[in-house]
Amino acid sequence: DYVESIGWEAIQAHERALGERFLAGLPDNVALYGLPGMEGR
């Protein structure tokens, strides 16, 4: 009911935007493992 009240698409969009913000702001001395963008993750 909780997820339905927010909407799955809204949850995904918000998490994607925050993930993109995180990836864009990572300092140069950080090694990221996994996909470099939010597509497919």
PDB file of all heavy atoms in Angstrom:
ATOM      1  N   ASP A   1       0.831  -1.212   0.000  1.00  0.00           N
ATOM      2  CA  ASP A   1       0.000   0.000   0.000  1.00  0.00           C
ATOM      3  C   ASP A   1       0.864   1.260   0.000  1.00  0.00           C
ATOM      4  O   ASP A   1       0.552   2.237  -0.688  1.00  0.00           O
ATOM      5  CB  ASP A   1      -0.936   0.017   1.212  1.00  0.00           C
ATOM      6  CG  ASP A   1      -2.071  -0.987   1.100  1.00  0.00           C
ATOM      7  OD1 ASP A   1      -2.311  -1.509  -0.018  1.00  0.00           O
ATOM      8  OD2 ASP A   1      -2.704  -1.263   2.137  1.00  0.00           O
ATOM      9  N   TYR A   2       1.935   1.236   0.768  1.00  0.00           N
ATOM     10  CA  TYR A   2       2.838   2.380   0.836  1.00  0.00           C
ATOM     11  C   TYR A   2       3.451   2.674  -0.534  1.00  0.00           C
ATOM     12  O   TYR A   2       3.422   3.812  -1.016  1.00  0.00           O
ATOM     13  CB  TYR A   2       3.932   2.125   1.870  1.00  0.00           C
ATOM     14  CG  TYR A   2       5.037   3.135   1.852  1.00  0.00           C
ATOM     15  CD1 TYR A   2       4.845   4.421   2.352  1.00  0.00           C
ATOM     16  CD2 TYR A   2       6.290   2.819   1.330  1.00  0.00           C
ATOM     17  CE1 TYR A   2       5.860   5.360   2.328  1.00  0.00           C
ATOM     18  CE2 TYR A   2       7.306   3.748   1.305  1.00  0.00           C
ATOM     19  CZ  TYR A   2       7.086   5.018   1.801  1.00  0.00           C
ATOM     20  OH  TYR A   2       8.093   5.950   1.761  1.00  0.00           O
ATOM     21  N   VAL A   3       4.016   1.654  -1.170  1.00  0.00           N
ATOM     22  CA  VAL A   3       4.628   1.841  -2.493  1.00  0.00           C
ATOM     23  C   VAL A   3       3.581   2.299  -3.492  1.00  0.00           C
ATOM     24  O   VAL A   3       3.824   3.205  -4.300  1.00  0.00           O
ATOM     25  CB  VAL A   3       5.334   0.550  -2.963  1.00  0.00           C
ATOM     26  CG1 VAL A   3       5.735   0.631  -4.424  1.00  0.00           C
ATOM     27  CG2 VAL A   3       6.547   0.263  -2.093  1.00  0.00           C
ATOM     28  N   GLU A   4       2.404   1.718  -3.416  1.00  0.00           N
ATOM     29  CA  GLU A   4       1.319   2.103  -4.323  1.00  0.00           C
ATOM     30  C   GLU A   4       0.912   3.562  -4.113  1.00  0.00           C
ATOM     31  O   GLU A   4       0.588   4.272  -5.060  1.00  0.00           O
ATOM     32  CB  GLU A   4       0.122   1.177  -4.111  1.00  0.00           C
ATOM     33  CG  GLU A   4      -0.941   1.309  -5.178  1.00  0.00           C
ATOM     34  CD  GLU A   4      -2.015   0.251  -4.999  1.00  0.00           C
ATOM     35  OE1 GLU A   4      -2.869   0.426  -4.105  1.00  0.00           O
ATOM     36  OE2 GLU A   4      -1.970  -0.726  -5.751  1.00  0.00           O
ATOM     37  N   SER A   5       0.938   4.038  -2.870  1.00  0.00           N
ATOM     38  CA  SER A   5       0.535   5.422  -2.589  1.00  0.00           C
ATOM     39  C   SER A   5       1.506   6.430  -3.189  1.00  0.00           C
ATOM     40  O   SER A   5       1.113   7.540  -3.532  1.00  0.00           O
ATOM     41  CB  SER A   5       0.416   5.641  -1.076  1.00  0.00           C
ATOM     42  OG  SER A   5       1.693   5.714  -0.459  1.00  0.00           O
ATOM     43  N   ILE A   6       2.769   6.049  -3.295  1.00  0.00           N
ATOM     44  CA  ILE A   6       3.771   6.944  -3.888  1.00  0.00           C
ATOM     45  C   ILE A   6       3.813   6.759  -5.399  1.00  0.00           C
ATOM     46  O   ILE A   6       3.926   7.725  -6.151  1.00  0.00           O
ATOM     47  CB  ILE A   6       5.168   6.667  -3.293  1.00  0.00           C
ATOM     48  CG1 ILE A   6       5.166   6.951  -1.797  1.00  0.00           C
ATOM     49  CG2 ILE A   6       6.238   7.497  -3.990  1.00  0.00           C
ATOM     50  CD1 ILE A   6       6.411   6.486  -1.088  1.00  0.00           C
ATOM     51  N   GLY A   7       3.748   5.528  -5.815  1.00  0.00           N
ATOM     52  CA  GLY A   7       3.841   5.189  -7.236  1.00  0.00           C
ATOM     53  C   GLY A   7       5.228   4.678  -7.570  1.00  0.00           C
ATOM     54  O   GLY A   7       6.224   5.352  -7.275  1.00  0.00           O
ATOM     55  N   TRP A   8       5.303   3.493  -8.133  1.00  0.00           N
ATOM     56  CA  TRP A   8       6.584   2.871  -8.446  1.00  0.00           C
ATOM     57  C   TRP A   8       7.401   3.718  -9.409  1.00  0.00           C
ATOM     58  O   TRP A   8       8.613   3.862  -9.263  1.00  0.00           O
ATOM     59  CB  TRP A   8       6.355   1.466  -9.004  1.00  0.00           C
ATOM     60  CG  TRP A   8       7.620   0.712  -9.186  1.00  0.00           C
ATOM     61  CD1 TRP A   8       8.147   0.268 -10.352  1.00  0.00           C
ATOM     62  CD2 TRP A   8       8.548   0.312  -8.165  1.00  0.00           C
ATOM     63  NE1 TRP A   8       9.335  -0.377 -10.129  1.00  0.00           N
ATOM     64  CE2 TRP A   8       9.612  -0.365  -8.794  1.00  0.00           C
ATOM     65  CE3 TRP A   8       8.590   0.465  -6.785  1.00  0.00           C
ATOM     66  CZ2 TRP A   8      10.688  -0.884  -8.085  1.00  0.00           C
ATOM     67  CZ3 TRP A   8       9.669  -0.053  -6.089  1.00  0.00           C
ATOM     68  CH2 TRP A   8      10.694  -0.713  -6.741  1.00  0.00           C
ATOM     69  N   GLU A   9       6.743   4.316 -10.395  1.00  0.00           N
ATOM     70  CA  GLU A   9       7.459   5.131 -11.369  1.00  0.00           C
ATOM     71  C   GLU A   9       8.068   6.362 -10.699  1.00  0.00           C
ATOM     72  O   GLU A   9       9.191   6.764 -11.006  1.00  0.00           O
ATOM     73  CB  GLU A   9       6.539   5.547 -12.522  1.00  0.00           C
ATOM     74  CG  GLU A   9       6.135   4.404 -13.443  1.00  0.00           C
ATOM     75  CD  GLU A   9       5.032   3.520 -12.846  1.00  0.00           C
ATOM     76  OE1 GLU A   9       4.320   3.966 -11.926  1.00  0.00           O
ATOM     77  OE2 GLU A   9       4.916   2.360 -13.297  1.00  0.00           O
ATOM     78  N   ALA A  10       7.345   6.961  -9.765  1.00  0.00           N
ATOM     79  CA  ALA A  10       7.867   8.126  -9.040  1.00  0.00           C
ATOM     80  C   ALA A  10       9.064   7.736  -8.186  1.00  0.00           C
ATOM     81  O   ALA A  10      10.056   8.474  -8.101  1.00  0.00           O
ATOM     82  CB  ALA A  10       6.774   8.749  -8.172  1.00  0.00           C
ATOM     83  N   ILE A  11       8.988   6.571  -7.545  1.00  0.00           N
ATOM     84  CA  ILE A  11      10.109   6.083  -6.739  1.00  0.00           C
ATOM     85  C   ILE A  11      11.334   5.885  -7.619  1.00  0.00           C
ATOM     86  O   ILE A  11      12.436   6.347  -7.299  1.00  0.00           O
ATOM     87  CB  ILE A  11       9.733   4.774  -6.007  1.00  0.00           C
ATOM     88  CG1 ILE A  11       8.721   5.072  -4.891  1.00  0.00           C
ATOM     89  CG2 ILE A  11      10.971   4.066  -5.463  1.00  0.00           C
ATOM     90  CD1 ILE A  11       8.124   3.836  -4.247  1.00  0.00           C
ATOM     91  N   GLN A  12      11.159   5.216  -8.742  1.00  0.00           N
ATOM     92  CA  GLN A  12      12.279   4.959  -9.649  1.00  0.00           C
ATOM     93  C   GLN A  12      12.877   6.262 -10.180  1.00  0.00           C
ATOM     94  O   GLN A  12      14.097   6.398 -10.255  1.00  0.00           O
ATOM     95  CB  GLN A  12      11.833   4.077 -10.815  1.00  0.00           C
ATOM     96  CG  GLN A  12      11.586   2.647 -10.418  1.00  0.00           C
ATOM     97  CD  GLN A  12      11.124   1.805 -11.590  1.00  0.00           C
ATOM     98  OE1 GLN A  12      10.221   2.193 -12.339  1.00  0.00           O
ATOM     99  NE2 GLN A  12      11.750   0.658 -11.757  1.00  0.00           N
ATOM    100  N   ALA A  13      12.041   7.208 -10.548  1.00  0.00           N
ATOM    101  CA  ALA A  13      12.530   8.481 -11.087  1.00  0.00           C
ATOM    102  C   ALA A  13      13.340   9.247 -10.042  1.00  0.00           C
ATOM    103  O   ALA A  13      14.403   9.804 -10.344  1.00  0.00           O
ATOM    104  CB  ALA A  13      11.363   9.330 -11.584  1.00  0.00           C
ATOM    105  N   HIS A  14      12.844   9.272  -8.818  1.00  0.00           N
ATOM    106  CA  HIS A  14      13.553   9.987  -7.746  1.00  0.00           C
ATOM    107  C   HIS A  14      14.897   9.322  -7.439  1.00  0.00           C
ATOM    108  O   HIS A  14      15.924  10.006  -7.330  1.00  0.00           O
ATOM    109  CB  HIS A  14      12.676  10.053  -6.492  1.00  0.00           C
ATOM    110  CG  HIS A  14      13.274  10.837  -5.378  1.00  0.00           C
ATOM    111  ND1 HIS A  14      13.436  12.201  -5.435  1.00  0.00           N
ATOM    112  CD2 HIS A  14      13.760  10.451  -4.179  1.00  0.00           C
ATOM    113  CE1 HIS A  14      14.000  12.628  -4.310  1.00  0.00           C
ATOM    114  NE2 HIS A  14      14.209  11.579  -3.534  1.00  0.00           N
ATOM    115  N   GLU A  15      14.901   8.010  -7.317  1.00  0.00           N
ATOM    116  CA  GLU A  15      16.141   7.304  -7.027  1.00  0.00           C
ATOM    117  C   GLU A  15      17.140   7.461  -8.171  1.00  0.00           C
ATOM    118  O   GLU A  15      18.342   7.602  -7.941  1.00  0.00           O
ATOM    119  CB  GLU A  15      15.871   5.825  -6.752  1.00  0.00           C
ATOM    120  CG  GLU A  15      15.177   5.590  -5.428  1.00  0.00           C
ATOM    121  CD  GLU A  15      14.876   4.135  -5.132  1.00  0.00           C
ATOM    122  OE1 GLU A  15      15.250   3.249  -5.937  1.00  0.00           O
ATOM    123  OE2 GLU A  15      14.273   3.868  -4.073  1.00  0.00           O
ATOM    124  N   ARG A  16      16.648   7.453  -9.386  1.00  0.00           N
ATOM    125  CA  ARG A  16      17.533   7.643 -10.547  1.00  0.00           C
ATOM    126  C   ARG A  16      18.166   9.032 -10.517  1.00  0.00           C
ATOM    127  O   ARG A  16      19.367   9.185 -10.739  1.00  0.00           O
ATOM    128  CB  ARG A  16      16.766   7.422 -11.838  1.00  0.00           C
ATOM    129  CG  ARG A  16      17.627   7.568 -13.073  1.00  0.00           C
ATOM    130  CD  ARG A  16      16.787   7.403 -14.346  1.00  0.00           C
ATOM    131  NE  ARG A  16      17.625   7.496 -15.499  1.00  0.00           N
ATOM    132  CZ  ARG A  16      18.079   6.466 -16.198  1.00  0.00           C
ATOM    133  NH1 ARG A  16      17.763   5.242 -15.847  1.00  0.00           N
ATOM    134  NH2 ARG A  16      18.840   6.643 -17.241  1.00  0.00           N
ATOM    135  N   ALA A  17      17.368  10.048 -10.240  1.00  0.00           N
ATOM    136  CA  ALA A  17      17.889  11.424 -10.187  1.00  0.00           C
ATOM    137  C   ALA A  17      18.941  11.557  -9.085  1.00  0.00           C
ATOM    138  O   ALA A  17      19.994  12.181  -9.291  1.00  0.00           O
ATOM    139  CB  ALA A  17      16.753  12.410  -9.974  1.00  0.00           C
ATOM    140  N   LEU A  18      18.671  10.978  -7.927  1.00  0.00           N
ATOM    141  CA  LEU A  18      19.646  11.041  -6.843  1.00  0.00           C
ATOM    142  C   LEU A  18      20.906  10.244  -7.187  1.00  0.00           C
ATOM    143  O   LEU A  18      22.020  10.665  -6.865  1.00  0.00           O
ATOM    144  CB  LEU A  18      19.038  10.523  -5.536  1.00  0.00           C
ATOM    145  CG  LEU A  18      17.928  11.375  -4.925  1.00  0.00           C
ATOM    146  CD1 LEU A  18      17.411  10.733  -3.648  1.00  0.00           C
ATOM    147  CD2 LEU A  18      18.391  12.798  -4.660  1.00  0.00           C
ATOM    148  N   GLY A  19      20.731   9.114  -7.846  1.00  0.00           N
ATOM    149  CA  GLY A  19      21.884   8.319  -8.271  1.00  0.00           C
ATOM    150  C   GLY A  19      22.746   9.073  -9.269  1.00  0.00           C
ATOM    151  O   GLY A  19      23.981   9.048  -9.194  1.00  0.00           O
ATOM    152  N   GLU A  20      22.110   9.766 -10.206  1.00  0.00           N
ATOM    153  CA  GLU A  20      22.857  10.570 -11.173  1.00  0.00           C
ATOM    154  C   GLU A  20      23.617  11.694 -10.462  1.00  0.00           C
ATOM    155  O   GLU A  20      24.766  11.993 -10.801  1.00  0.00           O
ATOM    156  CB  GLU A  20      21.913  11.142 -12.229  1.00  0.00           C
ATOM    157  CG  GLU A  20      21.406  10.077 -13.184  1.00  0.00           C
ATOM    158  CD  GLU A  20      20.275  10.534 -14.083  1.00  0.00           C
ATOM    159  OE1 GLU A  20      19.695  11.625 -13.846  1.00  0.00           O
ATOM    160  OE2 GLU A  20      19.956   9.788 -15.027  1.00  0.00           O
ATOM    161  N   ARG A  21      22.990  12.290  -9.468  1.00  0.00           N
ATOM    162  CA  ARG A  21      23.639  13.354  -8.686  1.00  0.00           C
ATOM    163  C   ARG A  21      24.869  12.799  -7.967  1.00  0.00           C
ATOM    164  O   ARG A  21      25.929  13.425  -7.944  1.00  0.00           O
ATOM    165  CB  ARG A  21      22.628  13.917  -7.691  1.00  0.00           C
ATOM    166  CG  ARG A  21      23.116  15.097  -6.897  1.00  0.00           C
ATOM    167  CD  ARG A  21      22.018  15.569  -5.928  1.00  0.00           C
ATOM    168  NE  ARG A  21      22.291  16.863  -5.423  1.00  0.00           N
ATOM    169  CZ  ARG A  21      21.755  17.999  -5.869  1.00  0.00           C
ATOM    170  NH1 ARG A  21      20.875  17.977  -6.836  1.00  0.00           N
ATOM    171  NH2 ARG A  21      22.085  19.155  -5.337  1.00  0.00           N
ATOM    172  N   PHE A  22      24.723  11.613  -7.372  1.00  0.00           N
ATOM    173  CA  PHE A  22      25.831  10.969  -6.684  1.00  0.00           C
ATOM    174  C   PHE A  22      26.977  10.696  -7.655  1.00  0.00           C
ATOM    175  O   PHE A  22      28.132  11.049  -7.382  1.00  0.00           O
ATOM    176  CB  PHE A  22      25.361   9.673  -6.018  1.00  0.00           C
ATOM    177  CG  PHE A  22      26.441   8.922  -5.318  1.00  0.00           C
ATOM    178  CD1 PHE A  22      26.847   9.291  -4.046  1.00  0.00           C
ATOM    179  CD2 PHE A  22      27.063   7.840  -5.922  1.00  0.00           C
ATOM    180  CE1 PHE A  22      27.864   8.601  -3.384  1.00  0.00           C
ATOM    181  CE2 PHE A  22      28.071   7.138  -5.278  1.00  0.00           C
ATOM    182  CZ  PHE A  22      28.469   7.523  -4.003  1.00  0.00           C
ATOM    183  N   LEU A  23      26.676  10.079  -8.773  1.00  0.00           N
ATOM    184  CA  LEU A  23      27.714   9.737  -9.744  1.00  0.00           C
ATOM    185  C   LEU A  23      28.420  10.975 -10.281  1.00  0.00           C
ATOM    186  O   LEU A  23      29.644  10.990 -10.430  1.00  0.00           O
ATOM    187  CB  LEU A  23      27.118   8.924 -10.892  1.00  0.00           C
ATOM    188  CG  LEU A  23      26.656   7.513 -10.533  1.00  0.00           C
ATOM    189  CD1 LEU A  23      25.893   6.891 -11.693  1.00  0.00           C
ATOM    190  CD2 LEU A  23      27.833   6.647 -10.124  1.00  0.00           C
ATOM    191  N   ALA A  24      27.660  12.017 -10.556  1.00  0.00           N
ATOM    192  CA  ALA A  24      28.243  13.247 -11.091  1.00  0.00           C
ATOM    193  C   ALA A  24      29.151  13.940 -10.076  1.00  0.00           C
ATOM    194  O   ALA A  24      30.099  14.626 -10.456  1.00  0.00           O
ATOM    195  CB  ALA A  24      27.135  14.205 -11.530  1.00  0.00           C
ATOM    196  N   GLY A  25      28.884  13.736  -8.791  1.00  0.00           N
ATOM    197  CA  GLY A  25      29.647  14.425  -7.767  1.00  0.00           C
ATOM    198  C   GLY A  25      30.786  13.647  -7.157  1.00  0.00           C
ATOM    199  O   GLY A  25      31.474  14.159  -6.261  1.00  0.00           O
ATOM    200  N   LEU A  26      31.012  12.421  -7.607  1.00  0.00           N
ATOM    201  CA  LEU A  26      32.086  11.623  -7.011  1.00  0.00           C
ATOM    202  C   LEU A  26      33.448  12.282  -7.249  1.00  0.00           C
ATOM    203  O   LEU A  26      33.763  12.677  -8.375  1.00  0.00           O
ATOM    204  CB  LEU A  26      32.113  10.214  -7.607  1.00  0.00           C
ATOM    205  CG  LEU A  26      31.129   9.218  -7.020  1.00  0.00           C
ATOM    206  CD1 LEU A  26      31.204   7.899  -7.783  1.00  0.00           C
ATOM    207  CD2 LEU A  26      31.378   8.990  -5.540  1.00  0.00           C
ATOM    208  N   PRO A  27      34.245  12.400  -6.208  1.00  0.00           N
ATOM    209  CA  PRO A  27      35.589  12.968  -6.366  1.00  0.00           C
ATOM    210  C   PRO A  27      36.454  12.086  -7.275  1.00  0.00           C
ATOM    211  O   PRO A  27      36.200  10.890  -7.433  1.00  0.00           O
ATOM    212  CB  PRO A  27      36.150  12.980  -4.940  1.00  0.00           C
ATOM    213  CG  PRO A  27      34.969  12.881  -4.043  1.00  0.00           C
ATOM    214  CD  PRO A  27      33.939  12.100  -4.801  1.00  0.00           C
ATOM    215  N   ASP A  28      37.489  12.677  -7.840  1.00  0.00           N
ATOM    216  CA  ASP A  28      38.376  11.953  -8.759  1.00  0.00           C
ATOM    217  C   ASP A  28      39.142  10.809  -8.095  1.00  0.00           C
ATOM    218  O   ASP A  28      39.574   9.895  -8.778  1.00  0.00           O
ATOM    219  CB  ASP A  28      39.379  12.921  -9.397  1.00  0.00           C
ATOM    220  CG  ASP A  28      38.708  13.878 -10.365  1.00  0.00           C
ATOM    221  OD1 ASP A  28      37.615  13.553 -10.879  1.00  0.00           O
ATOM    222  OD2 ASP A  28      39.278  14.964 -10.604  1.00  0.00           O
ATOM    223  N   ASN A  29      39.299  10.862  -6.774  1.00  0.00           N
ATOM    224  CA  ASN A  29      40.066   9.815  -6.096  1.00  0.00           C
ATOM    225  C   ASN A  29      39.200   8.636  -5.652  1.00  0.00           C
ATOM    226  O   ASN A  29      39.616   7.834  -4.838  1.00  0.00           O
ATOM    227  CB  ASN A  29      40.808  10.395  -4.893  1.00  0.00           C
ATOM    228  CG  ASN A  29      39.878  10.865  -3.790  1.00  0.00           C
ATOM    229  OD1 ASN A  29      38.742  11.258  -4.047  1.00  0.00           O
ATOM    230  ND2 ASN A  29      40.357  10.852  -2.569  1.00  0.00           N
ATOM    231  N   VAL A  30      38.010   8.536  -6.224  1.00  0.00           N
ATOM    232  CA  VAL A  30      37.099   7.439  -5.908  1.00  0.00           C
ATOM    233  C   VAL A  30      37.033   6.467  -7.081  1.00  0.00           C
ATOM    234  O   VAL A  30      36.820   6.877  -8.221  1.00  0.00           O
ATOM    235  CB  VAL A  30      35.680   7.970  -5.583  1.00  0.00           C
ATOM    236  CG1 VAL A  30      34.686   6.830  -5.455  1.00  0.00           C
ATOM    237  CG2 VAL A  30      35.706   8.795  -4.312  1.00  0.00           C
ATOM    238  N   ALA A  31      37.245   5.181  -6.784  1.00  0.00           N
ATOM    239  CA  ALA A  31      37.083   4.125  -7.780  1.00  0.00           C
ATOM    240  C   ALA A  31      35.679   3.554  -7.622  1.00  0.00           C
ATOM    241  O   ALA A  31      35.337   3.028  -6.561  1.00  0.00           O
ATOM    242  CB  ALA A  31      38.125   3.037  -7.566  1.00  0.00           C
ATOM    243  N   LEU A  32      34.867   3.683  -8.648  1.00  0.00           N
ATOM    244  CA  LEU A  32      33.498   3.176  -8.652  1.00  0.00           C
ATOM    245  C   LEU A  32      33.492   1.813  -9.326  1.00  0.00           C
ATOM    246  O   LEU A  32      34.118   1.629 -10.373  1.00  0.00           O
ATOM    247  CB  LEU A  32      32.585   4.134  -9.414  1.00  0.00           C
ATOM    248  CG  LEU A  32      31.139   3.698  -9.584  1.00  0.00           C
ATOM    249  CD1 LEU A  32      30.400   3.792  -8.243  1.00  0.00           C
ATOM    250  CD2 LEU A  32      30.443   4.561 -10.630  1.00  0.00           C
ATOM    251  N   TYR A  33      32.765   0.867  -8.746  1.00  0.00           N
ATOM    252  CA  TYR A  33      32.628  -0.460  -9.340  1.00  0.00           C
ATOM    253  C   TYR A  33      31.216  -0.601  -9.866  1.00  0.00           C
ATOM    254  O   TYR A  33      30.258  -0.215  -9.220  1.00  0.00           O
ATOM    255  CB  TYR A  33      32.952  -1.540  -8.297  1.00  0.00           C
ATOM    256  CG  TYR A  33      34.323  -1.330  -7.710  1.00  0.00           C
ATOM    257  CD1 TYR A  33      34.480  -0.750  -6.462  1.00  0.00           C
ATOM    258  CD2 TYR A  33      35.462  -1.653  -8.442  1.00  0.00           C
ATOM    259  CE1 TYR A  33      35.739  -0.522  -5.937  1.00  0.00           C
ATOM    260  CE2 TYR A  33      36.730  -1.422  -7.927  1.00  0.00           C
ATOM    261  CZ  TYR A  33      36.851  -0.850  -6.675  1.00  0.00           C
ATOM    262  OH  TYR A  33      38.110  -0.612  -6.168  1.00  0.00           O
ATOM    263  N   GLY A  34      31.106  -1.148 -11.065  1.00  0.00           N
ATOM    264  CA  GLY A  34      29.790  -1.283 -11.680  1.00  0.00           C
ATOM    265  C   GLY A  34      29.616  -0.271 -12.795  1.00  0.00           C
ATOM    266  O   GLY A  34      30.565   0.398 -13.207  1.00  0.00           O
ATOM    267  N   LEU A  35      28.414  -0.162 -13.251  1.00  0.00           N
ATOM    268  CA  LEU A  35      28.118   0.730 -14.371  1.00  0.00           C
ATOM    269  C   LEU A  35      28.380   2.184 -13.982  1.00  0.00           C
ATOM    270  O   LEU A  35      28.053   2.602 -12.872  1.00  0.00           O
ATOM    271  CB  LEU A  35      26.659   0.552 -14.796  1.00  0.00           C
ATOM    272  CG  LEU A  35      26.290  -0.849 -15.289  1.00  0.00           C
ATOM    273  CD1 LEU A  35      24.793  -0.972 -15.498  1.00  0.00           C
ATOM    274  CD2 LEU A  35      27.045  -1.177 -16.563  1.00  0.00           C
ATOM    275  N   PRO A  36      28.933   2.976 -14.911  1.00  0.00           N
ATOM    276  CA  PRO A  36      29.285   4.361 -14.589  1.00  0.00           C
ATOM    277  C   PRO A  36      28.105   5.329 -14.624  1.00  0.00           C
ATOM    278  O   PRO A  36      28.228   6.468 -14.170  1.00  0.00           O
ATOM    279  CB  PRO A  36      30.306   4.723 -15.672  1.00  0.00           C
ATOM    280  CG  PRO A  36      29.916   3.870 -16.833  1.00  0.00           C
ATOM    281  CD  PRO A  36      29.406   2.577 -16.231  1.00  0.00           C
ATOM    282  N   GLY A  37      26.979   4.896 -15.145  1.00  0.00           N
ATOM    283  CA  GLY A  37      25.783   5.736 -15.210  1.00  0.00           C
ATOM    284  C   GLY A  37      24.599   5.009 -14.623  1.00  0.00           C
ATOM    285  O   GLY A  37      24.707   3.875 -14.172  1.00  0.00           O
ATOM    286  N   MET A  38      23.460   5.655 -14.638  1.00  0.00           N
ATOM    287  CA  MET A  38      22.268   5.055 -14.038  1.00  0.00           C
ATOM    288  C   MET A  38      21.507   4.132 -14.983  1.00  0.00           C
ATOM    289  O   MET A  38      20.608   3.430 -14.549  1.00  0.00           O
ATOM    290  CB  MET A  38      21.339   6.161 -13.515  1.00  0.00           C
ATOM    291  CG  MET A  38      21.862   6.837 -12.257  1.00  0.00           C
ATOM    292  SD  MET A  38      22.230   5.694 -10.905  1.00  0.00           S
ATOM    293  CE  MET A  38      20.614   5.019 -10.553  1.00  0.00           C
ATOM    294  N   GLU A  39      21.868   4.123 -16.234  1.00  0.00           N
ATOM    295  CA  GLU A  39      21.204   3.223 -17.177  1.00  0.00           C
ATOM    296  C   GLU A  39      21.516   1.781 -16.813  1.00  0.00           C
ATOM    297  O   GLU A  39      22.678   1.385 -16.729  1.00  0.00           O
ATOM    298  CB  GLU A  39      21.672   3.516 -18.610  1.00  0.00           C
ATOM    299  CG  GLU A  39      20.901   2.766 -19.658  1.00  0.00           C
ATOM    300  CD  GLU A  39      19.432   3.176 -19.722  1.00  0.00           C
ATOM    301  OE1 GLU A  39      19.139   4.370 -19.544  1.00  0.00           O
ATOM    302  OE2 GLU A  39      18.585   2.286 -19.929  1.00  0.00           O
ATOM    303  N   GLY A  40      20.483   1.000 -16.519  1.00  0.00           N
ATOM    304  CA  GLY A  40      20.656  -0.413 -16.228  1.00  0.00           C
ATOM    305  C   GLY A  40      21.088  -0.736 -14.811  1.00  0.00           C
ATOM    306  O   GLY A  40      21.513  -1.852 -14.537  1.00  0.00           O
ATOM    307  N   ARG A  41      20.999   0.218 -13.893  1.00  0.00           N
ATOM    308  CA  ARG A  41      21.404  -0.047 -12.516  1.00  0.00           C
ATOM    309  C   ARG A  41      20.441   0.621 -11.545  1.00  0.00           C
ATOM    310  O   ARG A  41      19.614   1.425 -11.937  1.00  0.00           O
ATOM    311  CB  ARG A  41      22.834   0.438 -12.259  1.00  0.00           C
ATOM    312  CG  ARG A  41      22.965   1.948 -12.142  1.00  0.00           C
ATOM    313  CD  ARG A  41      24.336   2.431 -11.696  1.00  0.00           C
ATOM    314  NE  ARG A  41      24.754   1.840 -10.460  1.00  0.00           N
ATOM    315  CZ  ARG A  41      26.019   1.653 -10.094  1.00  0.00           C
ATOM    316  NH1 ARG A  41      26.990   2.050 -10.887  1.00  0.00           N
ATOM    317  NH2 ARG A  41      26.326   1.100  -8.952  1.00  0.00           N
TER     318      ARG A  41
END
